[in-house]
PDB file of all heavy atoms in Angstrom:
ATOM      1  N   LYS A   1     -10.722   6.521  -2.153  1.00  0.00           N
ATOM      2  CA  LYS A   1     -10.283   7.465  -3.133  1.00  0.00           C
ATOM      3  C   LYS A   1      -8.892   7.167  -3.700  1.00  0.00           C
ATOM      4  O   LYS A   1      -8.044   7.934  -3.945  1.00  0.00           O
ATOM      5  CB  LYS A   1     -10.305   8.956  -2.651  1.00  0.00           C
ATOM      6  CG  LYS A   1     -11.624   9.419  -2.217  1.00  0.00           C
ATOM      7  CD  LYS A   1     -11.527  10.867  -1.707  1.00  0.00           C
ATOM      8  CE  LYS A   1     -12.923  11.367  -1.267  1.00  0.00           C
ATOM      9  NZ  LYS A   1     -12.911  12.743  -0.742  1.00  0.00           N
ATOM     10  N   GLY A   2      -8.746   5.805  -3.918  1.00  0.00           N
ATOM     11  CA  GLY A   2      -7.491   5.282  -4.453  1.00  0.00           C
ATOM     12  C   GLY A   2      -6.363   5.107  -3.540  1.00  0.00           C
ATOM     13  O   GLY A   2      -5.269   4.659  -3.916  1.00  0.00           O
ATOM     14  N   ARG A   3      -6.518   5.507  -2.299  1.00  0.00           N
ATOM     15  CA  ARG A   3      -5.407   5.429  -1.287  1.00  0.00           C
ATOM     16  C   ARG A   3      -5.725   4.308  -0.236  1.00  0.00           C
ATOM     17  O   ARG A   3      -6.860   4.131   0.164  1.00  0.00           O
ATOM     18  CB  ARG A   3      -5.301   6.704  -0.552  1.00  0.00           C
ATOM     19  CG  ARG A   3      -4.922   7.895  -1.423  1.00  0.00           C
ATOM     20  CD  ARG A   3      -4.678   9.129  -0.559  1.00  0.00           C
ATOM     21  NE  ARG A   3      -3.599   9.005   0.306  1.00  0.00           N
ATOM     22  CZ  ARG A   3      -3.264   9.936   1.232  1.00  0.00           C
ATOM     23  NH1 ARG A   3      -3.905  11.063   1.281  1.00  0.00           N
ATOM     24  NH2 ARG A   3      -2.191   9.737   2.058  1.00  0.00           N
ATOM     25  N   VAL A   4      -4.690   3.467   0.009  1.00  0.00           N
ATOM     26  CA  VAL A   4      -4.807   2.372   0.945  1.00  0.00           C
ATOM     27  C   VAL A   4      -5.005   2.982   2.371  1.00  0.00           C
ATOM     28  O   VAL A   4      -4.177   3.741   2.901  1.00  0.00           O
ATOM     29  CB  VAL A   4      -3.557   1.541   0.883  1.00  0.00           C
ATOM     30  CG1 VAL A   4      -3.674   0.451   1.997  1.00  0.00           C
ATOM     31  CG2 VAL A   4      -3.411   0.906  -0.430  1.00  0.00           C
ATOM     32  N   VAL A   5      -6.118   2.534   3.015  1.00  0.00           N
ATOM     33  CA  VAL A   5      -6.386   2.981   4.416  1.00  0.00           C
ATOM     34  C   VAL A   5      -6.185   1.860   5.347  1.00  0.00           C
ATOM     35  O   VAL A   5      -6.077   2.026   6.565  1.00  0.00           O
ATOM     36  CB  VAL A   5      -7.786   3.562   4.473  1.00  0.00           C
ATOM     37  CG1 VAL A   5      -7.916   4.820   3.697  1.00  0.00           C
ATOM     38  CG2 VAL A   5      -8.847   2.501   4.085  1.00  0.00           C
ATOM     39  N   ARG A   6      -6.174   0.543   4.840  1.00  0.00           N
ATOM     40  CA  ARG A   6      -5.923  -0.590   5.689  1.00  0.00           C
ATOM     41  C   ARG A   6      -5.400  -1.712   4.859  1.00  0.00           C
ATOM     42  O   ARG A   6      -5.956  -1.984   3.773  1.00  0.00           O
ATOM     43  CB  ARG A   6      -7.182  -0.955   6.507  1.00  0.00           C
ATOM     44  CG  ARG A   6      -6.937  -2.142   7.398  1.00  0.00           C
ATOM     45  CD  ARG A   6      -8.226  -2.811   7.886  1.00  0.00           C
ATOM     46  NE  ARG A   6      -8.972  -3.361   6.766  1.00  0.00           N
ATOM     47  CZ  ARG A   6      -8.645  -4.541   6.261  1.00  0.00           C
ATOM     48  NH1 ARG A   6      -7.644  -5.240   6.649  1.00  0.00           N
ATOM     49  NH2 ARG A   6      -9.470  -5.039   5.242  1.00  0.00           N
ATOM     50  N   ALA A   7      -4.389  -2.425   5.301  1.00  0.00           N
ATOM     51  CA  ALA A   7      -3.860  -3.548   4.627  1.00  0.00           C
ATOM     52  C   ALA A   7      -3.615  -4.683   5.622  1.00  0.00           C
ATOM     53  O   ALA A   7      -2.961  -4.499   6.658  1.00  0.00           O
ATOM     54  CB  ALA A   7      -2.599  -3.253   3.863  1.00  0.00           C
ATOM     55  N   GLY A   8      -4.223  -5.833   5.355  1.00  0.00           N
ATOM     56  CA  GLY A   8      -4.024  -7.024   6.228  1.00  0.00           C
ATOM     57  C   GLY A   8      -2.593  -7.509   6.208  1.00  0.00           C
ATOM     58  O   GLY A   8      -1.887  -7.332   5.207  1.00  0.00           O
ATOM     59  N   GLU A   9      -2.165  -8.112   7.318  1.00  0.00           N
ATOM     60  CA  GLU A   9      -0.788  -8.584   7.382  1.00  0.00           C
ATOM     61  C   GLU A   9      -0.542  -9.732   6.401  1.00  0.00           C
ATOM     62  O   GLU A   9       0.655 -10.040   6.050  1.00  0.00           O
ATOM     63  CB  GLU A   9      -0.476  -9.127   8.789  1.00  0.00           C
ATOM     64  CG  GLU A   9      -1.358 -10.230   9.310  1.00  0.00           C
ATOM     65  CD  GLU A   9      -2.615  -9.725  10.002  1.00  0.00           C
ATOM     66  OE1 GLU A   9      -3.103  -8.545   9.752  1.00  0.00           O
ATOM     67  OE2 GLU A   9      -3.160 -10.465  10.862  1.00  0.00           O
ATOM     68  N   ARG A  10      -1.553 -10.274   5.796  1.00  0.00           N
ATOM     69  CA  ARG A  10      -1.357 -11.380   4.774  1.00  0.00           C
ATOM     70  C   ARG A  10      -2.139 -11.018   3.546  1.00  0.00           C
ATOM     71  O   ARG A  10      -2.639 -11.827   2.856  1.00  0.00           O
ATOM     72  CB  ARG A  10      -1.915 -12.657   5.426  1.00  0.00           C
ATOM     73  CG  ARG A  10      -1.394 -13.967   4.775  1.00  0.00           C
ATOM     74  CD  ARG A  10      -2.132 -15.158   5.354  1.00  0.00           C
ATOM     75  NE  ARG A  10      -1.751 -16.383   4.731  1.00  0.00           N
ATOM     76  CZ  ARG A  10      -2.348 -17.546   4.911  1.00  0.00           C
ATOM     77  NH1 ARG A  10      -3.328 -17.610   5.782  1.00  0.00           N
ATOM     78  NH2 ARG A  10      -1.912 -18.637   4.305  1.00  0.00           N
ATOM     79  N   ALA A  11      -2.137  -9.675   3.214  1.00  0.00           N
ATOM     80  CA  ALA A  11      -2.934  -9.179   2.050  1.00  0.00           C
ATOM     81  C   ALA A  11      -2.546  -9.938   0.831  1.00  0.00           C
ATOM     82  O   ALA A  11      -1.381 -10.157   0.502  1.00  0.00           O
ATOM     83  CB  ALA A  11      -2.727  -7.705   1.905  1.00  0.00           C
ATOM     84  N   MET A  12      -3.574 -10.276   0.071  1.00  0.00           N
ATOM     85  CA  MET A  12      -3.368 -11.045  -1.239  1.00  0.00           C
ATOM     86  C   MET A  12      -2.489 -10.348  -2.218  1.00  0.00           C
ATOM     87  O   MET A  12      -2.595  -9.099  -2.396  1.00  0.00           O
ATOM     88  CB  MET A  12      -4.665 -11.445  -1.763  1.00  0.00           C
ATOM     89  CG  MET A  12      -5.556 -12.391  -0.974  1.00  0.00           C
ATOM     90  SD  MET A  12      -7.120 -12.711  -1.681  1.00  0.00           S
ATOM     91  CE  MET A  12      -8.011 -11.111  -1.335  1.00  0.00           C
ATOM     92  N   VAL A  13      -1.634 -11.054  -2.878  1.00  0.00           N
ATOM     93  CA  VAL A  13      -0.771 -10.544  -3.944  1.00  0.00           C
ATOM     94  C   VAL A  13      -1.541 -10.697  -5.235  1.00  0.00           C
ATOM     95  O   VAL A  13      -1.976 -11.861  -5.572  1.00  0.00           O
ATOM     96  CB  VAL A  13       0.556 -11.271  -3.970  1.00  0.00           C
ATOM     97  CG1 VAL A  13       1.398 -10.831  -5.215  1.00  0.00           C
ATOM     98  CG2 VAL A  13       1.321 -11.053  -2.710  1.00  0.00           C
ATOM     99  N   ASP A  14      -1.578  -9.652  -6.041  1.00  0.00           N
ATOM    100  CA  ASP A  14      -2.295  -9.713  -7.287  1.00  0.00           C
ATOM    101  C   ASP A  14      -1.313 -10.040  -8.417  1.00  0.00           C
ATOM    102  O   ASP A  14      -0.465  -9.240  -8.812  1.00  0.00           O
ATOM    103  CB  ASP A  14      -2.872  -8.307  -7.606  1.00  0.00           C
ATOM    104  CG  ASP A  14      -3.795  -8.328  -8.788  1.00  0.00           C
ATOM    105  OD1 ASP A  14      -3.808  -9.360  -9.548  1.00  0.00           O
ATOM    106  OD2 ASP A  14      -4.627  -7.369  -8.984  1.00  0.00           O
ATOM    107  N   LEU A  15      -1.382 -11.292  -8.922  1.00  0.00           N
ATOM    108  CA  LEU A  15      -0.524 -11.745  -9.985  1.00  0.00           C
ATOM    109  C   LEU A  15      -0.779 -11.024 -11.303  1.00  0.00           C
ATOM    110  O   LEU A  15       0.115 -10.964 -12.173  1.00  0.00           O
ATOM    111  CB  LEU A  15      -0.656 -13.220 -10.212  1.00  0.00           C
ATOM    112  CG  LEU A  15       0.050 -14.108  -9.132  1.00  0.00           C
ATOM    113  CD1 LEU A  15      -0.233 -15.632  -9.524  1.00  0.00           C
ATOM    114  CD2 LEU A  15       1.526 -13.870  -9.138  1.00  0.00           C
ATOM    115  N   CYS A  16      -1.970 -10.469 -11.471  1.00  0.00           N
ATOM    116  CA  CYS A  16      -2.258  -9.720 -12.723  1.00  0.00           C
ATOM    117  C   CYS A  16      -1.412  -8.476 -12.783  1.00  0.00           C
ATOM    118  O   CYS A  16      -0.857  -8.079 -13.852  1.00  0.00           O
ATOM    119  CB  CYS A  16      -3.718  -9.272 -12.694  1.00  0.00           C
ATOM    120  SG  CYS A  16      -4.256  -8.457 -14.226  1.00  0.00           S
ATOM    121  N   VAL A  17      -1.147  -7.818 -11.658  1.00  0.00           N
ATOM    122  CA  VAL A  17      -0.278  -6.638 -11.559  1.00  0.00           C
ATOM    123  C   VAL A  17       1.141  -7.051 -11.892  1.00  0.00           C
ATOM    124  O   VAL A  17       1.877  -6.333 -12.673  1.00  0.00           O
ATOM    125  CB  VAL A  17      -0.308  -6.001 -10.169  1.00  0.00           C
ATOM    126  CG1 VAL A  17       0.705  -4.931 -10.050  1.00  0.00           C
ATOM    127  CG2 VAL A  17      -1.684  -5.441  -9.879  1.00  0.00           C
ATOM    128  N   LEU A  18       1.524  -8.213 -11.443  1.00  0.00           N
ATOM    129  CA  LEU A  18       2.923  -8.726 -11.719  1.00  0.00           C
ATOM    130  C   LEU A  18       3.062  -9.035 -13.173  1.00  0.00           C
ATOM    131  O   LEU A  18       4.138  -8.662 -13.853  1.00  0.00           O
ATOM    132  CB  LEU A  18       3.136 -10.010 -10.959  1.00  0.00           C
ATOM    133  CG  LEU A  18       4.661 -10.383 -10.717  1.00  0.00           C
ATOM    134  CD1 LEU A  18       5.380  -9.335  -9.956  1.00  0.00           C
ATOM    135  CD2 LEU A  18       4.703 -11.692  -9.909  1.00  0.00           C
ATOM    136  N   ALA A  19       2.067  -9.557 -13.805  1.00  0.00           N
ATOM    137  CA  ALA A  19       2.026  -9.829 -15.256  1.00  0.00           C
ATOM    138  C   ALA A  19       2.113  -8.468 -16.034  1.00  0.00           C
ATOM    139  O   ALA A  19       2.910  -8.394 -17.006  1.00  0.00           O
ATOM    140  CB  ALA A  19       0.779 -10.542 -15.684  1.00  0.00           C
ATOM    141  N   ARG A  20       1.438  -7.489 -15.611  1.00  0.00           N
ATOM    142  CA  ARG A  20       1.390  -6.161 -16.312  1.00  0.00           C
ATOM    143  C   ARG A  20       2.807  -5.538 -16.254  1.00  0.00           C
ATOM    144  O   ARG A  20       3.207  -4.871 -17.144  1.00  0.00           O
ATOM    145  CB  ARG A  20       0.413  -5.272 -15.746  1.00  0.00           C
ATOM    146  CG  ARG A  20       0.165  -4.002 -16.468  1.00  0.00           C
ATOM    147  CD  ARG A  20      -1.002  -3.216 -16.069  1.00  0.00           C
ATOM    148  NE  ARG A  20      -0.778  -2.549 -14.712  1.00  0.00           N
ATOM    149  CZ  ARG A  20      -1.451  -2.841 -13.675  1.00  0.00           C
ATOM    150  NH1 ARG A  20      -2.325  -3.770 -13.659  1.00  0.00           N
ATOM    151  NH2 ARG A  20      -1.239  -2.257 -12.499  1.00  0.00           N
ATOM    152  N   LYS A  21       3.473  -5.686 -15.090  1.00  0.00           N
ATOM    153  CA  LYS A  21       4.730  -4.998 -14.880  1.00  0.00           C
ATOM    154  C   LYS A  21       5.917  -5.781 -15.433  1.00  0.00           C
ATOM    155  O   LYS A  21       6.952  -5.215 -15.784  1.00  0.00           O
ATOM    156  CB  LYS A  21       4.942  -4.801 -13.358  1.00  0.00           C
ATOM    157  CG  LYS A  21       4.009  -3.793 -12.748  1.00  0.00           C
ATOM    158  CD  LYS A  21       4.374  -2.374 -13.139  1.00  0.00           C
ATOM    159  CE  LYS A  21       3.562  -1.362 -12.417  1.00  0.00           C
ATOM    160  NZ  LYS A  21       3.904   0.082 -12.815  1.00  0.00           N
ATOM    161  N   ALA A  22       5.867  -7.106 -15.475  1.00  0.00           N
ATOM    162  CA  ALA A  22       7.023  -7.881 -15.771  1.00  0.00           C
ATOM    163  C   ALA A  22       7.013  -8.735 -16.961  1.00  0.00           C
ATOM    164  O   ALA A  22       7.996  -9.322 -17.359  1.00  0.00           O
ATOM    165  CB  ALA A  22       7.372  -8.785 -14.500  1.00  0.00           C
ATOM    166  N   TYR A  23       5.888  -8.956 -17.629  1.00  0.00           N
ATOM    167  CA  TYR A  23       5.712  -9.921 -18.652  1.00  0.00           C
ATOM    168  C   TYR A  23       4.976  -9.384 -19.838  1.00  0.00           C
ATOM    169  O   TYR A  23       3.971  -8.723 -19.675  1.00  0.00           O
ATOM    170  CB  TYR A  23       4.944 -11.173 -18.154  1.00  0.00           C
ATOM    171  CG  TYR A  23       4.694 -12.278 -19.162  1.00  0.00           C
ATOM    172  CD1 TYR A  23       5.694 -13.054 -19.581  1.00  0.00           C
ATOM    173  CD2 TYR A  23       3.457 -12.452 -19.682  1.00  0.00           C
ATOM    174  CE1 TYR A  23       5.445 -14.091 -20.581  1.00  0.00           C
ATOM    175  CE2 TYR A  23       3.166 -13.350 -20.630  1.00  0.00           C
ATOM    176  CZ  TYR A  23       4.205 -14.233 -21.055  1.00  0.00           C
ATOM    177  OH  TYR A  23       3.936 -15.212 -21.984  1.00  0.00           O
ATOM    178  N   PHE A  24       5.510  -9.657 -21.011  1.00  0.00           N
ATOM    179  CA  PHE A  24       4.725  -9.289 -22.331  1.00  0.00           C
ATOM    180  C   PHE A  24       5.066 -10.336 -23.336  1.00  0.00           C
ATOM    181  O   PHE A  24       6.207 -10.742 -23.635  1.00  0.00           O
ATOM    182  CB  PHE A  24       5.176  -7.931 -22.865  1.00  0.00           C
ATOM    183  CG  PHE A  24       4.484  -7.616 -24.140  1.00  0.00           C
ATOM    184  CD1 PHE A  24       3.245  -6.909 -24.143  1.00  0.00           C
ATOM    185  CD2 PHE A  24       4.996  -7.968 -25.374  1.00  0.00           C
ATOM    186  CE1 PHE A  24       2.574  -6.608 -25.269  1.00  0.00           C
ATOM    187  CE2 PHE A  24       4.266  -7.765 -26.541  1.00  0.00           C
ATOM    188  CZ  PHE A  24       3.076  -7.043 -26.464  1.00  0.00           C
ATOM    189  N   HIS A  25       3.984 -10.886 -23.884  1.00  0.00           N
ATOM    190  CA  HIS A  25       4.059 -11.856 -25.007  1.00  0.00           C
ATOM    191  C   HIS A  25       3.187 -11.320 -26.150  1.00  0.00           C
ATOM    192  O   HIS A  25       2.081 -10.948 -25.874  1.00  0.00           O
ATOM    193  CB  HIS A  25       3.578 -13.251 -24.601  1.00  0.00           C
ATOM    194  CG  HIS A  25       3.921 -14.363 -25.549  1.00  0.00           C
ATOM    195  ND1 HIS A  25       3.340 -14.436 -26.752  1.00  0.00           N
ATOM    196  CD2 HIS A  25       4.894 -15.417 -25.501  1.00  0.00           C
ATOM    197  CE1 HIS A  25       3.852 -15.422 -27.481  1.00  0.00           C
ATOM    198  NE2 HIS A  25       4.764 -16.064 -26.670  1.00  0.00           N
ATOM    199  N   PRO A  26       3.659 -11.266 -27.418  1.00  0.00           N
ATOM    200  CA  PRO A  26       2.853 -10.710 -28.475  1.00  0.00           C
ATOM    201  C   PRO A  26       1.550 -11.372 -28.662  1.00  0.00           C
ATOM    202  O   PRO A  26       0.529 -10.739 -29.123  1.00  0.00           O
ATOM    203  CB  PRO A  26       3.766 -10.835 -29.711  1.00  0.00           C
ATOM    204  CG  PRO A  26       4.848 -11.868 -29.323  1.00  0.00           C
ATOM    205  CD  PRO A  26       5.054 -11.761 -27.825  1.00  0.00           C
ATOM    206  N   GLN A  27       1.475 -12.673 -28.291  1.00  0.00           N
ATOM    207  CA  GLN A  27       0.223 -13.406 -28.494  1.00  0.00           C
ATOM    208  C   GLN A  27      -0.933 -12.818 -27.590  1.00  0.00           C
ATOM    209  O   GLN A  27      -2.067 -12.855 -27.982  1.00  0.00           O
ATOM    210  CB  GLN A  27       0.424 -14.817 -28.056  1.00  0.00           C
ATOM    211  CG  GLN A  27      -0.843 -15.716 -28.240  1.00  0.00           C
ATOM    212  CD  GLN A  27      -0.547 -17.163 -27.906  1.00  0.00           C
ATOM    213  OE1 GLN A  27       0.511 -17.657 -28.098  1.00  0.00           O
ATOM    214  NE2 GLN A  27      -1.593 -17.853 -27.399  1.00  0.00           N
ATOM    215  N   THR A  28      -0.599 -12.121 -26.493  1.00  0.00           N
ATOM    216  CA  THR A  28      -1.572 -11.555 -25.579  1.00  0.00           C
ATOM    217  C   THR A  28      -2.105 -10.247 -26.089  1.00  0.00           C
ATOM    218  O   THR A  28      -3.114  -9.670 -25.587  1.00  0.00           O
ATOM    219  CB  THR A  28      -1.052 -11.285 -24.234  1.00  0.00           C
ATOM    220  OG1 THR A  28      -0.018 -10.284 -24.232  1.00  0.00           O
ATOM    221  CG2 THR A  28      -0.415 -12.634 -23.627  1.00  0.00           C
ATOM    222  N   LYS A  29      -1.489  -9.616 -27.076  1.00  0.00           N
ATOM    223  CA  LYS A  29      -1.776  -8.272 -27.628  1.00  0.00           C
ATOM    224  C   LYS A  29      -1.895  -7.265 -26.541  1.00  0.00           C
ATOM    225  O   LYS A  29      -2.708  -6.366 -26.456  1.00  0.00           O
ATOM    226  CB  LYS A  29      -3.117  -8.276 -28.367  1.00  0.00           C
ATOM    227  CG  LYS A  29      -3.047  -9.205 -29.660  1.00  0.00           C
ATOM    228  CD  LYS A  29      -4.338  -9.201 -30.393  1.00  0.00           C
ATOM    229  CE  LYS A  29      -4.155 -10.054 -31.713  1.00  0.00           C
ATOM    230  NZ  LYS A  29      -5.467 -10.030 -32.529  1.00  0.00           N
ATOM    231  N   GLY A  30      -0.982  -7.361 -25.552  1.00  0.00           N
ATOM    232  CA  GLY A  30      -1.021  -6.442 -24.434  1.00  0.00           C
ATOM    233  C   GLY A  30      -1.803  -6.818 -23.260  1.00  0.00           C
ATOM    234  O   GLY A  30      -1.630  -6.256 -22.131  1.00  0.00           O
ATOM    235  N   SER A  31      -2.769  -7.659 -23.438  1.00  0.00           N
ATOM    236  CA  SER A  31      -3.713  -8.000 -22.308  1.00  0.00           C
ATOM    237  C   SER A  31      -3.038  -8.747 -21.220  1.00  0.00           C
ATOM    238  O   SER A  31      -2.100  -9.507 -21.404  1.00  0.00           O
ATOM    239  CB  SER A  31      -4.861  -8.855 -22.900  1.00  0.00           C
ATOM    240  OG  SER A  31      -5.680  -9.295 -21.850  1.00  0.00           O
ATOM    241  N   CYS A  32      -3.507  -8.525 -20.009  1.00  0.00           N
ATOM    242  CA  CYS A  32      -3.058  -9.223 -18.847  1.00  0.00           C
ATOM    243  C   CYS A  32      -4.074 -10.187 -18.336  1.00  0.00           C
ATOM    244  O   CYS A  32      -3.991 -10.687 -17.221  1.00  0.00           O
ATOM    245  CB  CYS A  32      -2.580  -8.255 -17.752  1.00  0.00           C
ATOM    246  SG  CYS A  32      -1.247  -7.112 -18.203  1.00  0.00           S
ATOM    247  N   SER A  33      -5.130 -10.399 -19.057  1.00  0.00           N
ATOM    248  CA  SER A  33      -6.131 -11.434 -18.696  1.00  0.00           C
ATOM    249  C   SER A  33      -5.559 -12.747 -18.573  1.00  0.00           C
ATOM    250  O   SER A  33      -4.749 -13.151 -19.390  1.00  0.00           O
ATOM    251  CB  SER A  33      -7.294 -11.374 -19.715  1.00  0.00           C
ATOM    252  OG  SER A  33      -8.053 -12.552 -19.645  1.00  0.00           O
ATOM    253  N   ILE A  34      -5.926 -13.472 -17.519  1.00  0.00           N
ATOM    254  CA  ILE A  34      -5.383 -14.854 -17.332  1.00  0.00           C
ATOM    255  C   ILE A  34      -5.745 -15.711 -18.516  1.00  0.00           C
ATOM    256  O   ILE A  34      -4.963 -16.669 -18.829  1.00  0.00           O
ATOM    257  CB  ILE A  34      -5.878 -15.446 -15.984  1.00  0.00           C
ATOM    258  CG1 ILE A  34      -4.994 -16.604 -15.562  1.00  0.00           C
ATOM    259  CG2 ILE A  34      -7.300 -15.824 -16.084  1.00  0.00           C
ATOM    260  CD1 ILE A  34      -5.223 -17.098 -14.183  1.00  0.00           C
ATOM    261  N   LYS A  35      -6.892 -15.490 -19.178  1.00  0.00           N
ATOM    262  CA  LYS A  35      -7.303 -16.260 -20.378  1.00  0.00           C
ATOM    263  C   LYS A  35      -6.473 -15.978 -21.561  1.00  0.00           C
ATOM    264  O   LYS A  35      -6.461 -16.770 -22.469  1.00  0.00           O
ATOM    265  CB  LYS A  35      -8.772 -15.986 -20.624  1.00  0.00           C
ATOM    266  CG  LYS A  35      -9.725 -16.268 -19.447  1.00  0.00           C
ATOM    267  CD  LYS A  35      -9.775 -17.779 -19.126  1.00  0.00           C
ATOM    268  CE  LYS A  35     -10.558 -18.059 -17.971  1.00  0.00           C
ATOM    269  NZ  LYS A  35     -12.012 -17.705 -17.996  1.00  0.00           N
ATOM    270  N   LYS A  36      -5.682 -14.902 -21.493  1.00  0.00           N
ATOM    271  CA  LYS A  36      -4.706 -14.576 -22.632  1.00  0.00           C
ATOM    272  C   LYS A  36      -3.304 -14.962 -22.233  1.00  0.00           C
ATOM    273  O   LYS A  36      -2.544 -15.426 -23.112  1.00  0.00           O
ATOM    274  CB  LYS A  36      -4.831 -13.087 -22.959  1.00  0.00           C
ATOM    275  CG  LYS A  36      -6.175 -12.545 -23.476  1.00  0.00           C
ATOM    276  CD  LYS A  36      -6.452 -13.136 -24.789  1.00  0.00           C
ATOM    277  CE  LYS A  36      -7.789 -12.666 -25.310  1.00  0.00           C
ATOM    278  NZ  LYS A  36      -7.889 -11.193 -25.540  1.00  0.00           N
ATOM    279  N   VAL A  37      -2.978 -14.760 -21.009  1.00  0.00           N
ATOM    280  CA  VAL A  37      -1.543 -15.047 -20.591  1.00  0.00           C
ATOM    281  C   VAL A  37      -1.251 -16.567 -20.537  1.00  0.00           C
ATOM    282  O   VAL A  37      -0.238 -17.020 -20.910  1.00  0.00           O
ATOM    283  CB  VAL A  37      -1.323 -14.341 -19.179  1.00  0.00           C
ATOM    284  CG1 VAL A  37       0.095 -14.846 -18.675  1.00  0.00           C
ATOM    285  CG2 VAL A  37      -1.433 -12.919 -19.313  1.00  0.00           C
ATOM    286  N   LEU A  38      -2.293 -17.383 -20.044  1.00  0.00           N
ATOM    287  CA  LEU A  38      -2.051 -18.808 -20.021  1.00  0.00           C
ATOM    288  C   LEU A  38      -1.697 -19.471 -21.366  1.00  0.00           C
ATOM    289  O   LEU A  38      -0.679 -20.168 -21.442  1.00  0.00           O
ATOM    290  CB  LEU A  38      -3.268 -19.485 -19.387  1.00  0.00           C
ATOM    291  CG  LEU A  38      -3.157 -20.974 -19.265  1.00  0.00           C
ATOM    292  CD1 LEU A  38      -2.040 -21.387 -18.406  1.00  0.00           C
ATOM    293  CD2 LEU A  38      -4.443 -21.603 -18.745  1.00  0.00           C
ATOM    294  N   PRO A  39      -2.499 -19.230 -22.429  1.00  0.00           N
ATOM    295  CA  PRO A  39      -2.107 -19.816 -23.706  1.00  0.00           C
ATOM    296  C   PRO A  39      -0.688 -19.356 -24.184  1.00  0.00           C
ATOM    297  O   PRO A  39       0.025 -20.139 -24.777  1.00  0.00           O
ATOM    298  CB  PRO A  39      -3.192 -19.345 -24.638  1.00  0.00           C
ATOM    299  CG  PRO A  39      -4.338 -19.014 -23.763  1.00  0.00           C
ATOM    300  CD  PRO A  39      -3.776 -18.501 -22.512  1.00  0.00           C
TER     301      PRO A  39
END
Protein backbone atom coordinates (compact mmCIF):
# COMPACT_ATOMS: atom_id res chain seq x y z
CA LYS A 1 0.00 0.00 0.00
CA GLY A 2 2.80 2.36 -0.95
CA ARG A 3 4.76 1.90 2.30
CA VAL A 4 8.18 0.23 2.50
CA VAL A 5 7.97 -2.96 4.56
CA ARG A 6 11.44 -4.30 3.75
CA ALA A 7 14.56 -2.81 2.18
CA GLY A 8 17.71 -4.75 1.37
CA GLU A 9 21.02 -3.49 2.69
CA ARG A 10 22.13 -2.94 -0.91
CA ALA A 11 18.77 -1.85 -2.32
CA MET A 12 19.06 -0.52 -5.86
CA VAL A 13 19.11 3.26 -6.42
CA ASP A 14 16.60 4.50 -8.99
CA LEU A 15 18.34 7.02 -11.25
CA CYS A 16 14.98 7.92 -12.79
CA VAL A 17 13.93 9.38 -9.43
CA LEU A 18 17.19 11.34 -9.33
CA ALA A 19 16.50 12.69 -12.82
CA ARG A 20 13.00 13.74 -11.83
CA LYS A 21 14.20 15.56 -8.71
CA ALA A 22 17.45 17.15 -9.91
CA TYR A 23 17.48 17.53 -13.72
CA PHE A 24 15.37 19.27 -16.34
CA HIS A 25 16.22 19.89 -19.99
CA PRO A 26 13.62 21.46 -22.31
CA GLN A 27 14.35 18.84 -24.96
CA THR A 28 12.83 16.15 -22.71
CA LYS A 29 9.51 18.05 -22.40
CA GLY A 30 9.46 17.08 -18.75
CA SER A 31 9.88 13.37 -19.33
CA CYS A 32 12.33 11.36 -17.23
CA SER A 33 12.47 8.45 -19.68
CA ILE A 34 16.04 7.37 -20.29
CA LYS A 35 15.28 7.50 -24.04
CA LYS A 36 14.55 11.24 -23.64
CA VAL A 37 17.18 12.16 -21.07
CA LEU A 38 20.12 10.56 -22.93
CA PRO A 39 19.78 12.65 -26.14
